[in-house]
Amino acid sequence: MFLQSKEWFDFQKSLGRDVFFYERGGIKTGIIKMPLPFKKSYLYIPHGPAMDFNQMTGGIDNAVRNFLQYLKTLAKKEKAIFIKAEPLNDNVAQFLAKNKFKKSKKEIQPHKTIVLDLLKSEEELLTLMHHKTRYNIKVADKHKVIVQHSSDLDIFWKLVKKTTERQKFSSHPRGYYQKLFQFFNQEGAVRTSLFLAMFDGKPVAGALMLVHEDTAYYLHGGSDYNFREAMAPYSLHWFLILEMKKQGFKYYDFGGSEGTKWPGLTRFKLGWGGRTVEYPGSFDLTISWWWHLFYGLARRVF
């Protein structure tokens, strides 16, 4: 997963965040220091830690105990009030829960995603789709929607804002997308690219893609609801699926899927016939119970 790649942590450093690395006794992870008011912080482990139980020759409990001691020492040094981990598998989550990490409702990465297998043929991919998805691709074709590579972040940002305002969820600041696009818009293990869907000469949908190893990730996107009859997002994603397949990627990750929070978006993603992948979720280890309590209350108020 790209969230534990060296390149991703280099990007975090470019945002002004401190990062730390732990690799000992079969446990490996990168850690990001996330700033909070009053010179406090919390430590964040995205899609980690990774635990190789075969390498824990000194005993699993001993390896985990050493790792937790490292985290607690680091947390005190960095004035972190809690540590948040979002592991990829249940075995790691069980060890966290066994060592006083508590399940948290506040997730940074969605605990569900939808992944499409690009090793399937184009015909198989079409067959897997919901019939309405296939129909809407044809509608977009009839409207002559054209998808093209772009570097225009201003247009993409406007589409993101239109979507977040309509769907009533928050987005990153424009500067974040700019830095993300520029930092990875080059040759390397992690790369980003921007695509726009054009209808009647106007940009009506956009997608910021990130690729790492064998997977293409739909990272961020937006569309203009005023042109919804053109079904541009369907043309956009079908183009990207075929393009990423052609480039040799094995999987197309649609990103977060949460039917309660984002019913329309989740329905759209499910319509492509991918499998739902569910992660254990978010786990917090409290370092300062008073500050952690205050942080939780402040989040609810503000």
C-alpha atoms as a PDB file:
ATOM      1  CA  MET A   1       0.000   0.000   0.000  1.00  0.00           C
ATOM      2  CA  PHE A   2       1.317   3.434  -0.941  1.00  0.00           C
ATOM      3  CA  LEU A   3       0.517   4.907   2.487  1.00  0.00           C
ATOM      4  CA  GLN A   4       3.476   2.979   3.911  1.00  0.00           C
ATOM      5  CA  SER A   5       5.832   3.720   1.017  1.00  0.00           C
ATOM      6  CA  LYS A   6       8.999   5.781   1.434  1.00  0.00           C
ATOM      7  CA  GLU A   7       7.693   8.177  -1.201  1.00  0.00           C
ATOM      8  CA  TRP A   8       4.518   8.850   0.774  1.00  0.00           C
ATOM      9  CA  PHE A   9       6.482   9.676   3.905  1.00  0.00           C
ATOM     10  CA  ASP A  10       8.750  11.940   1.862  1.00  0.00           C
ATOM     11  CA  PHE A  11       5.589  13.737   0.753  1.00  0.00           C
ATOM     12  CA  GLN A  12       4.478  14.075   4.376  1.00  0.00           C
ATOM     13  CA  LYS A  13       7.834  15.667   5.171  1.00  0.00           C
ATOM     14  CA  SER A  14       7.302  18.108   2.297  1.00  0.00           C
ATOM     15  CA  LEU A  15       4.080  19.182   4.062  1.00  0.00           C
ATOM     16  CA  GLY A  16       6.161  20.063   7.130  1.00  0.00           C
ATOM     17  CA  ARG A  17       5.290  16.971   9.157  1.00  0.00           C
ATOM     18  CA  ASP A  18       7.801  14.909  11.096  1.00  0.00           C
ATOM     19  CA  VAL A  19       7.960  11.217  10.227  1.00  0.00           C
ATOM     20  CA  PHE A  20       9.526   8.295  12.060  1.00  0.00           C
ATOM     21  CA  PHE A  21      10.353   4.715  11.109  1.00  0.00           C
ATOM     22  CA  TYR A  22      10.416   1.534  13.139  1.00  0.00           C
ATOM     23  CA  GLU A  23      11.804  -1.770  11.882  1.00  0.00           C
ATOM     24  CA  ARG A  24      12.668  -4.358  14.476  1.00  0.00           C
ATOM     25  CA  GLY A  25      11.740  -7.899  15.467  1.00  0.00           C
ATOM     26  CA  GLY A  26       9.390  -8.487  12.527  1.00  0.00           C
ATOM     27  CA  ILE A  27       7.488  -5.216  12.974  1.00  0.00           C
ATOM     28  CA  LYS A  28       7.843  -2.469  10.405  1.00  0.00           C
ATOM     29  CA  THR A  29       6.020   0.826  10.047  1.00  0.00           C
ATOM     30  CA  GLY A  30       6.241   4.494   9.257  1.00  0.00           C
ATOM     31  CA  ILE A  31       4.686   7.002  11.660  1.00  0.00           C
ATOM     32  CA  ILE A  32       3.489  10.555  11.005  1.00  0.00           C
ATOM     33  CA  LYS A  33       3.345  13.271  13.653  1.00  0.00           C
ATOM     34  CA  MET A  34       0.076  15.172  13.205  1.00  0.00           C
ATOM     35  CA  PRO A  35      -0.001  18.619  14.839  1.00  0.00           C
ATOM     36  CA  LEU A  36      -2.746  19.719  17.229  1.00  0.00           C
ATOM     37  CA  PRO A  37      -3.427  23.030  19.006  1.00  0.00           C
ATOM     38  CA  PHE A  38      -1.579  23.979  22.208  1.00  0.00           C
ATOM     39  CA  LYS A  39       1.653  22.462  20.835  1.00  0.00           C
ATOM     40  CA  LYS A  40       0.192  18.991  21.173  1.00  0.00           C
ATOM     41  CA  SER A  41       0.084  16.280  18.513  1.00  0.00           C
ATOM     42  CA  TYR A  42      -0.917  12.713  17.825  1.00  0.00           C
ATOM     43  CA  LEU A  43       1.046   9.936  16.119  1.00  0.00           C
ATOM     44  CA  TYR A  44      -0.568   8.332  13.088  1.00  0.00           C
ATOM     45  CA  ILE A  45       0.237   4.945  11.544  1.00  0.00           C
ATOM     46  CA  PRO A  46      -1.541   4.754   8.151  1.00  0.00           C
ATOM     47  CA  HIS A  47      -2.274   1.202   6.961  1.00  0.00           C
ATOM     48  CA  GLY A  48       0.095  -0.233   9.525  1.00  0.00           C
ATOM     49  CA  PRO A  49       1.976  -1.504  11.363  1.00  0.00           C
ATOM     50  CA  ALA A  50       3.049  -4.536   9.331  1.00  0.00           C
ATOM     51  CA  MET A  51       3.862  -7.595  11.439  1.00  0.00           C
ATOM     52  CA  ASP A  52       5.775 -10.587  10.077  1.00  0.00           C
ATOM     53  CA  PHE A  53       5.158 -13.218  12.747  1.00  0.00           C
ATOM     54  CA  ASN A  54       7.717 -15.590  11.169  1.00  0.00           C
ATOM     55  CA  GLN A  55      10.498 -13.119  11.970  1.00  0.00           C
ATOM     56  CA  MET A  56       9.566 -12.769  15.628  1.00  0.00           C
ATOM     57  CA  THR A  57      12.104 -15.306  16.822  1.00  0.00           C
ATOM     58  CA  GLY A  58      12.277 -13.716  20.259  1.00  0.00           C
ATOM     59  CA  GLY A  59       8.553 -14.207  20.788  1.00  0.00           C
ATOM     60  CA  ILE A  60       5.556 -12.338  19.450  1.00  0.00           C
ATOM     61  CA  ASP A  61       4.608 -10.748  22.774  1.00  0.00           C
ATOM     62  CA  ASN A  62       8.165  -9.543  23.303  1.00  0.00           C
ATOM     63  CA  ALA A  63       8.335  -7.965  19.823  1.00  0.00           C
ATOM     64  CA  VAL A  64       4.998  -6.220  20.325  1.00  0.00           C
ATOM     65  CA  ARG A  65       6.012  -5.040  23.801  1.00  0.00           C
ATOM     66  CA  ASN A  66       9.221  -3.478  22.426  1.00  0.00           C
ATOM     67  CA  PHE A  67       7.263  -1.761  19.678  1.00  0.00           C
ATOM     68  CA  LEU A  68       4.713  -0.333  22.115  1.00  0.00           C
ATOM     69  CA  GLN A  69       7.463   0.928  24.385  1.00  0.00           C
ATOM     70  CA  TYR A  70       9.028   2.691  21.414  1.00  0.00           C
ATOM     71  CA  LEU A  71       5.680   4.287  20.537  1.00  0.00           C
ATOM     72  CA  LYS A  72       5.037   5.472  24.088  1.00  0.00           C
ATOM     73  CA  THR A  73       8.521   6.942  24.415  1.00  0.00           C
ATOM     74  CA  LEU A  74       8.171   8.688  21.053  1.00  0.00           C
ATOM     75  CA  ALA A  75       4.712   9.984  21.983  1.00  0.00           C
ATOM     76  CA  LYS A  76       5.959  11.592  25.186  1.00  0.00           C
ATOM     77  CA  LYS A  77       8.906  13.146  23.384  1.00  0.00           C
ATOM     78  CA  GLU A  78       6.655  14.603  20.666  1.00  0.00           C
ATOM     79  CA  LYS A  79       3.893  15.674  23.092  1.00  0.00           C
ATOM     80  CA  ALA A  80       1.437  13.292  21.453  1.00  0.00           C
ATOM     81  CA  ILE A  81      -1.807  12.792  23.376  1.00  0.00           C
ATOM     82  CA  PHE A  82      -2.688   9.529  21.581  1.00  0.00           C
ATOM     83  CA  ILE A  83      -1.485   7.131  18.896  1.00  0.00           C
ATOM     84  CA  LYS A  84      -3.779   6.170  16.016  1.00  0.00           C
ATOM     85  CA  ALA A  85      -3.157   3.027  13.973  1.00  0.00           C
ATOM     86  CA  GLU A  86      -5.165   1.803  10.992  1.00  0.00           C
ATOM     87  CA  PRO A  87      -3.870  -1.714  10.247  1.00  0.00           C
ATOM     88  CA  LEU A  88      -4.599  -3.664   7.093  1.00  0.00           C
ATOM     89  CA  ASN A  89      -5.401  -7.048   8.609  1.00  0.00           C
ATOM     90  CA  ASP A  90      -7.262  -8.527  11.548  1.00  0.00           C
ATOM     91  CA  ASN A  91      -4.247 -10.294  13.074  1.00  0.00           C
ATOM     92  CA  VAL A  92      -2.474  -6.991  13.659  1.00  0.00           C
ATOM     93  CA  ALA A  93      -5.691  -5.385  14.914  1.00  0.00           C
ATOM     94  CA  GLN A  94      -6.083  -8.170  17.473  1.00  0.00           C
ATOM     95  CA  PHE A  95      -2.604  -7.552  18.850  1.00  0.00           C
ATOM     96  CA  LEU A  96      -3.314  -3.821  19.079  1.00  0.00           C
ATOM     97  CA  ALA A  97      -6.589  -4.465  20.910  1.00  0.00           C
ATOM     98  CA  LYS A  98      -4.808  -6.872  23.248  1.00  0.00           C
ATOM     99  CA  ASN A  99      -2.393  -4.066  24.151  1.00  0.00           C
ATOM    100  CA  LYS A 100      -4.878  -1.342  25.134  1.00  0.00           C
ATOM    101  CA  PHE A 101      -5.589   0.141  21.720  1.00  0.00           C
ATOM    102  CA  LYS A 102      -9.311   0.971  21.627  1.00  0.00           C
ATOM    103  CA  LYS A 103     -11.527   0.892  18.535  1.00  0.00           C
ATOM    104  CA  SER A 104     -12.135   4.446  17.341  1.00  0.00           C
ATOM    105  CA  LYS A 105     -15.088   5.847  15.386  1.00  0.00           C
ATOM    106  CA  LYS A 106     -12.818   8.537  13.958  1.00  0.00           C
ATOM    107  CA  GLU A 107     -11.199   7.064  10.843  1.00  0.00           C
ATOM    108  CA  ILE A 108      -8.691   8.859   8.650  1.00  0.00           C
ATOM    109  CA  GLN A 109      -8.660   6.187   5.928  1.00  0.00           C
ATOM    110  CA  PRO A 110     -11.989   4.543   5.032  1.00  0.00           C
ATOM    111  CA  HIS A 111     -12.237   1.005   6.355  1.00  0.00           C
ATOM    112  CA  LYS A 112     -13.966  -0.169   3.175  1.00  0.00           C
ATOM    113  CA  THR A 113     -12.893   0.150  -0.424  1.00  0.00           C
ATOM    114  CA  ILE A 114     -13.954  -1.349  -3.759  1.00  0.00           C
ATOM    115  CA  VAL A 115     -11.314  -3.008  -5.923  1.00  0.00           C
ATOM    116  CA  LEU A 116     -11.719  -4.031  -9.556  1.00  0.00           C
ATOM    117  CA  ASP A 117      -9.607  -6.838 -11.037  1.00  0.00           C
ATOM    118  CA  LEU A 118      -7.951  -5.467 -14.181  1.00  0.00           C
ATOM    119  CA  LEU A 119      -6.635  -8.890 -15.187  1.00  0.00           C
ATOM    120  CA  LYS A 120     -10.116  -9.682 -16.450  1.00  0.00           C
ATOM    121  CA  SER A 121     -10.850  -9.075 -20.119  1.00  0.00           C
ATOM    122  CA  GLU A 122     -12.771  -6.006 -21.280  1.00  0.00           C
ATOM    123  CA  GLU A 123     -15.772  -8.240 -21.999  1.00  0.00           C
ATOM    124  CA  GLU A 124     -15.627  -9.730 -18.499  1.00  0.00           C
ATOM    125  CA  LEU A 125     -15.429  -6.277 -16.941  1.00  0.00           C
ATOM    126  CA  LEU A 126     -18.516  -5.188 -18.868  1.00  0.00           C
ATOM    127  CA  THR A 127     -20.371  -8.330 -17.795  1.00  0.00           C
ATOM    128  CA  LEU A 128     -19.523  -7.721 -14.103  1.00  0.00           C
ATOM    129  CA  MET A 129     -20.998  -4.217 -14.181  1.00  0.00           C
ATOM    130  CA  HIS A 130     -24.484  -3.387 -13.038  1.00  0.00           C
ATOM    131  CA  HIS A 131     -26.676  -3.020 -16.133  1.00  0.00           C
ATOM    132  CA  LYS A 132     -27.266   0.647 -15.317  1.00  0.00           C
ATOM    133  CA  THR A 133     -23.498   1.314 -15.298  1.00  0.00           C
ATOM    134  CA  ARG A 134     -23.180  -0.203 -18.768  1.00  0.00           C
ATOM    135  CA  TYR A 135     -26.152   1.853 -19.922  1.00  0.00           C
ATOM    136  CA  ASN A 136     -24.701   5.091 -18.540  1.00  0.00           C
ATOM    137  CA  ILE A 137     -21.386   4.471 -20.311  1.00  0.00           C
ATOM    138  CA  LYS A 138     -23.370   4.279 -23.560  1.00  0.00           C
ATOM    139  CA  VAL A 139     -25.233   7.478 -22.648  1.00  0.00           C
ATOM    140  CA  ALA A 140     -21.896   9.265 -22.134  1.00  0.00           C
ATOM    141  CA  ASP A 141     -20.721   7.962 -25.514  1.00  0.00           C
ATOM    142  CA  LYS A 142     -23.866   9.330 -27.180  1.00  0.00           C
ATOM    143  CA  HIS A 143     -23.169  12.710 -25.584  1.00  0.00           C
ATOM    144  CA  LYS A 144     -19.638  12.502 -27.055  1.00  0.00           C
ATOM    145  CA  VAL A 145     -17.908  12.895 -23.690  1.00  0.00           C
ATOM    146  CA  ILE A 146     -14.144  12.986 -24.224  1.00  0.00           C
ATOM    147  CA  VAL A 147     -11.588  12.095 -21.524  1.00  0.00           C
ATOM    148  CA  GLN A 148      -8.161  13.677 -21.662  1.00  0.00           C
ATOM    149  CA  HIS A 149      -4.995  13.952 -19.633  1.00  0.00           C
ATOM    150  CA  SER A 150      -4.611  17.371 -17.980  1.00  0.00           C
ATOM    151  CA  SER A 151      -2.396  19.443 -15.692  1.00  0.00           C
ATOM    152  CA  ASP A 152      -4.988  22.120 -14.895  1.00  0.00           C
ATOM    153  CA  LEU A 153      -5.391  21.979 -11.099  1.00  0.00           C
ATOM    154  CA  ASP A 154      -7.614  25.069 -11.093  1.00  0.00           C
ATOM    155  CA  ILE A 155     -10.299  23.301 -13.126  1.00  0.00           C
ATOM    156  CA  PHE A 156      -9.996  20.163 -11.027  1.00  0.00           C
ATOM    157  CA  TRP A 157     -10.270  22.171  -7.793  1.00  0.00           C
ATOM    158  CA  LYS A 158     -13.489  23.824  -8.995  1.00  0.00           C
ATOM    159  CA  LEU A 159     -14.997  20.412  -9.731  1.00  0.00           C
ATOM    160  CA  VAL A 160     -13.947  19.131  -6.298  1.00  0.00           C
ATOM    161  CA  LYS A 161     -15.557  22.142  -4.602  1.00  0.00           C
ATOM    162  CA  LYS A 162     -18.793  21.677  -6.531  1.00  0.00           C
ATOM    163  CA  THR A 163     -18.931  18.047  -5.407  1.00  0.00           C
ATOM    164  CA  THR A 164     -18.067  18.610  -1.748  1.00  0.00           C
ATOM    165  CA  GLU A 165     -20.629  21.408  -1.454  1.00  0.00           C
ATOM    166  CA  ARG A 166     -23.302  19.241  -3.057  1.00  0.00           C
ATOM    167  CA  GLN A 167     -22.465  16.088  -1.065  1.00  0.00           C
ATOM    168  CA  LYS A 168     -21.834  18.056   2.153  1.00  0.00           C
ATOM    169  CA  PHE A 169     -18.432  16.630   3.022  1.00  0.00           C
ATOM    170  CA  SER A 170     -15.106  18.377   3.492  1.00  0.00           C
ATOM    171  CA  SER A 171     -12.129  18.356   1.153  1.00  0.00           C
ATOM    172  CA  HIS A 172      -8.455  19.129   1.473  1.00  0.00           C
ATOM    173  CA  PRO A 173      -7.378  22.735   0.844  1.00  0.00           C
ATOM    174  CA  ARG A 174      -6.447  23.544  -2.741  1.00  0.00           C
ATOM    175  CA  GLY A 175      -2.776  23.761  -1.756  1.00  0.00           C
ATOM    176  CA  TYR A 176      -2.788  20.129  -0.676  1.00  0.00           C
ATOM    177  CA  TYR A 177      -3.932  18.921  -4.096  1.00  0.00           C
ATOM    178  CA  GLN A 178      -1.351  21.177  -5.726  1.00  0.00           C
ATOM    179  CA  LYS A 179       1.482  19.743  -3.627  1.00  0.00           C
ATOM    180  CA  LEU A 180       0.237  16.182  -4.077  1.00  0.00           C
ATOM    181  CA  PHE A 181       0.039  16.537  -7.842  1.00  0.00           C
ATOM    182  CA  GLN A 182       3.397  18.281  -8.191  1.00  0.00           C
ATOM    183  CA  PHE A 183       5.282  16.031  -5.758  1.00  0.00           C
ATOM    184  CA  PHE A 184       4.339  12.794  -7.506  1.00  0.00           C
ATOM    185  CA  ASN A 185       3.971  14.105 -11.059  1.00  0.00           C
ATOM    186  CA  GLN A 186       7.261  12.530 -12.106  1.00  0.00           C
ATOM    187  CA  GLU A 187       8.944   9.182 -12.588  1.00  0.00           C
ATOM    188  CA  GLY A 188       9.046   7.148  -9.405  1.00  0.00           C
ATOM    189  CA  ALA A 189       7.460   4.346  -7.387  1.00  0.00           C
ATOM    190  CA  VAL A 190       4.443   6.570  -6.664  1.00  0.00           C
ATOM    191  CA  ARG A 191       3.007   8.744  -9.429  1.00  0.00           C
ATOM    192  CA  THR A 192      -0.080  10.894  -9.873  1.00  0.00           C
ATOM    193  CA  SER A 193      -1.925  11.977 -12.995  1.00  0.00           C
ATOM    194  CA  LEU A 194      -4.953  14.145 -13.611  1.00  0.00           C
ATOM    195  CA  PHE A 195      -7.755  13.414 -16.078  1.00  0.00           C
ATOM    196  CA  LEU A 196     -10.722  15.530 -17.144  1.00  0.00           C
ATOM    197  CA  ALA A 197     -13.950  14.512 -18.874  1.00  0.00           C
ATOM    198  CA  MET A 198     -15.079  17.109 -21.415  1.00  0.00           C
ATOM    199  CA  PHE A 199     -18.666  17.618 -22.558  1.00  0.00           C
ATOM    200  CA  ASP A 200     -19.514  20.163 -25.241  1.00  0.00           C
ATOM    201  CA  GLY A 201     -16.049  21.663 -24.746  1.00  0.00           C
ATOM    202  CA  LYS A 202     -16.462  22.093 -20.984  1.00  0.00           C
ATOM    203  CA  PRO A 203     -14.699  20.162 -18.194  1.00  0.00           C
ATOM    204  CA  VAL A 204     -17.494  18.445 -16.262  1.00  0.00           C
ATOM    205  CA  ALA A 205     -15.706  15.698 -14.291  1.00  0.00           C
ATOM    206  CA  GLY A 206     -12.172  15.066 -13.086  1.00  0.00           C
ATOM    207  CA  ALA A 207     -10.104  12.398 -11.376  1.00  0.00           C
ATOM    208  CA  LEU A 208      -6.735  12.556  -9.654  1.00  0.00           C
ATOM    209  CA  MET A 209      -5.173   9.110  -9.970  1.00  0.00           C
ATOM    210  CA  LEU A 210      -2.236   7.660  -8.035  1.00  0.00           C
ATOM    211  CA  VAL A 211      -0.373   4.514  -9.025  1.00  0.00           C
ATOM    212  CA  HIS A 212       1.868   2.345  -6.848  1.00  0.00           C
ATOM    213  CA  GLU A 213       3.191  -1.138  -7.558  1.00  0.00           C
ATOM    214  CA  ASP A 214       0.357  -3.133  -9.182  1.00  0.00           C
ATOM    215  CA  THR A 215      -2.566  -0.849  -8.243  1.00  0.00           C
ATOM    216  CA  ALA A 216      -4.136   2.309  -9.662  1.00  0.00           C
ATOM    217  CA  TYR A 217      -5.980   4.341  -7.026  1.00  0.00           C
ATOM    218  CA  TYR A 218      -8.828   6.744  -7.682  1.00  0.00           C
ATOM    219  CA  LEU A 219      -7.600   9.220  -5.099  1.00  0.00           C
ATOM    220  CA  HIS A 220      -9.780  12.311  -5.503  1.00  0.00           C
ATOM    221  CA  GLY A 221     -12.429  13.470  -7.912  1.00  0.00           C
ATOM    222  CA  GLY A 222     -15.287  15.806  -8.649  1.00  0.00           C
ATOM    223  CA  SER A 223     -18.014  16.561 -11.168  1.00  0.00           C
ATOM    224  CA  ASP A 224     -20.408  19.313 -12.212  1.00  0.00           C
ATOM    225  CA  TYR A 225     -23.981  18.278 -11.363  1.00  0.00           C
ATOM    226  CA  ASN A 226     -25.359  20.832 -13.827  1.00  0.00           C
ATOM    227  CA  PHE A 227     -24.212  18.521 -16.637  1.00  0.00           C
ATOM    228  CA  ARG A 228     -25.320  15.274 -15.053  1.00  0.00           C
ATOM    229  CA  GLU A 229     -27.318  14.243 -18.130  1.00  0.00           C
ATOM    230  CA  ALA A 230     -24.012  13.629 -19.971  1.00  0.00           C
ATOM    231  CA  MET A 231     -23.030  10.883 -17.473  1.00  0.00           C
ATOM    232  CA  ALA A 232     -19.427  12.069 -17.711  1.00  0.00           C
ATOM    233  CA  PRO A 233     -18.151  10.245 -14.557  1.00  0.00           C
ATOM    234  CA  TYR A 234     -19.045   6.924 -16.212  1.00  0.00           C
ATOM    235  CA  SER A 235     -17.076   7.753 -19.329  1.00  0.00           C
ATOM    236  CA  LEU A 236     -14.214   9.030 -17.148  1.00  0.00           C
ATOM    237  CA  HIS A 237     -13.865   5.869 -15.073  1.00  0.00           C
ATOM    238  CA  TRP A 238     -14.358   3.482 -17.960  1.00  0.00           C
ATOM    239  CA  PHE A 239     -11.578   5.290 -19.823  1.00  0.00           C
ATOM    240  CA  LEU A 240      -9.335   5.107 -16.752  1.00  0.00           C
ATOM    241  CA  ILE A 241     -10.078   1.421 -16.134  1.00  0.00           C
ATOM    242  CA  LEU A 242      -9.084   0.558 -19.713  1.00  0.00           C
ATOM    243  CA  GLU A 243      -6.076   2.892 -19.612  1.00  0.00           C
ATOM    244  CA  MET A 244      -4.737   1.457 -16.340  1.00  0.00           C
ATOM    245  CA  LYS A 245      -5.366  -2.056 -17.632  1.00  0.00           C
ATOM    246  CA  LYS A 246      -3.404  -1.208 -20.784  1.00  0.00           C
ATOM    247  CA  GLN A 247      -0.520   0.122 -18.671  1.00  0.00           C
ATOM    248  CA  GLY A 248      -0.278  -3.234 -16.906  1.00  0.00           C
ATOM    249  CA  PHE A 249      -1.829  -2.527 -13.525  1.00  0.00           C
ATOM    250  CA  LYS A 250      -3.633  -5.440 -11.887  1.00  0.00           C
ATOM    251  CA  TYR A 251      -6.137  -3.569  -9.732  1.00  0.00           C
ATOM    252  CA  TYR A 252      -8.251  -0.434  -9.835  1.00  0.00           C
ATOM    253  CA  ASP A 253      -9.046   0.827  -6.347  1.00  0.00           C
ATOM    254  CA  PHE A 254     -12.137   3.064  -6.252  1.00  0.00           C
ATOM    255  CA  GLY A 255     -11.376   4.271  -2.728  1.00  0.00           C
ATOM    256  CA  GLY A 256     -13.698   4.752   0.225  1.00  0.00           C
ATOM    257  CA  SER A 257     -17.037   2.968   0.292  1.00  0.00           C
ATOM    258  CA  GLU A 258     -19.513   3.818   3.026  1.00  0.00           C
ATOM    259  CA  GLY A 259     -23.189   3.401   2.228  1.00  0.00           C
ATOM    260  CA  THR A 260     -24.424   5.318   5.274  1.00  0.00           C
ATOM    261  CA  LYS A 261     -22.200   8.374   4.800  1.00  0.00           C
ATOM    262  CA  TRP A 262     -22.064   8.504   1.002  1.00  0.00           C
ATOM    263  CA  PRO A 263     -24.930   6.399  -0.400  1.00  0.00           C
ATOM    264  CA  GLY A 264     -24.872   7.844  -3.929  1.00  0.00           C
ATOM    265  CA  LEU A 265     -21.105   7.672  -4.310  1.00  0.00           C
ATOM    266  CA  THR A 266     -20.981   4.155  -2.885  1.00  0.00           C
ATOM    267  CA  ARG A 267     -23.745   3.000  -5.239  1.00  0.00           C
ATOM    268  CA  PHE A 268     -21.775   4.467  -8.162  1.00  0.00           C
ATOM    269  CA  LYS A 269     -18.601   2.601  -7.157  1.00  0.00           C
ATOM    270  CA  LEU A 270     -20.381  -0.690  -6.508  1.00  0.00           C
ATOM    271  CA  GLY A 271     -21.921  -0.521  -9.963  1.00  0.00           C
ATOM    272  CA  TRP A 272     -18.577  -1.359 -11.597  1.00  0.00           C
ATOM    273  CA  GLY A 273     -18.618  -4.910 -10.247  1.00  0.00           C
ATOM    274  CA  GLY A 274     -15.540  -4.796  -8.024  1.00  0.00           C
ATOM    275  CA  ARG A 275     -15.145  -6.641  -4.743  1.00  0.00           C
ATOM    276  CA  THR A 276     -15.523  -4.874  -1.422  1.00  0.00           C
ATOM    277  CA  VAL A 277     -12.373  -4.986   0.720  1.00  0.00           C
ATOM    278  CA  GLU A 278     -12.854  -4.293   4.412  1.00  0.00           C
ATOM    279  CA  TYR A 279     -10.062  -3.319   6.808  1.00  0.00           C
ATOM    280  CA  PRO A 280     -10.216  -3.550  10.617  1.00  0.00           C
ATOM    281  CA  GLY A 281     -10.654   0.207  11.065  1.00  0.00           C
ATOM    282  CA  SER A 282      -9.052   2.707  13.398  1.00  0.00           C
ATOM    283  CA  PHE A 283      -7.504   2.028  16.820  1.00  0.00           C
ATOM    284  CA  ASP A 284      -6.313   4.581  19.380  1.00  0.00           C
ATOM    285  CA  LEU A 285      -3.877   4.214  22.241  1.00  0.00           C
ATOM    286  CA  THR A 286      -4.370   7.001  24.764  1.00  0.00           C
ATOM    287  CA  ILE A 287      -1.214   8.596  26.149  1.00  0.00           C
ATOM    288  CA  SER A 288      -2.815  11.512  28.007  1.00  0.00           C
ATOM    289  CA  TRP A 289      -6.398  10.624  28.890  1.00  0.00           C
ATOM    290  CA  TRP A 290      -7.388  14.215  29.791  1.00  0.00           C
ATOM    291  CA  TRP A 291      -6.079  15.741  26.565  1.00  0.00           C
ATOM    292  CA  HIS A 292      -7.536  12.883  24.534  1.00  0.00           C
ATOM    293  CA  LEU A 293     -10.927  13.458  26.140  1.00  0.00           C
ATOM    294  CA  PHE A 294     -10.669  17.193  25.470  1.00  0.00           C
ATOM    295  CA  TYR A 295      -9.707  16.489  21.839  1.00  0.00           C
ATOM    296  CA  GLY A 296     -12.753  14.260  21.376  1.00  0.00           C
ATOM    297  CA  LEU A 297     -15.110  16.828  22.898  1.00  0.00           C
ATOM    298  CA  ALA A 298     -13.608  19.653  20.842  1.00  0.00           C
ATOM    299  CA  ARG A 299     -14.107  17.644  17.633  1.00  0.00           C
ATOM    300  CA  ARG A 300     -17.787  17.222  18.363  1.00  0.00           C
ATOM    301  CA  VAL A 301     -18.265  20.924  19.084  1.00  0.00           C
ATOM    302  CA  PHE A 302     -16.209  22.328  16.233  1.00  0.00           C
END
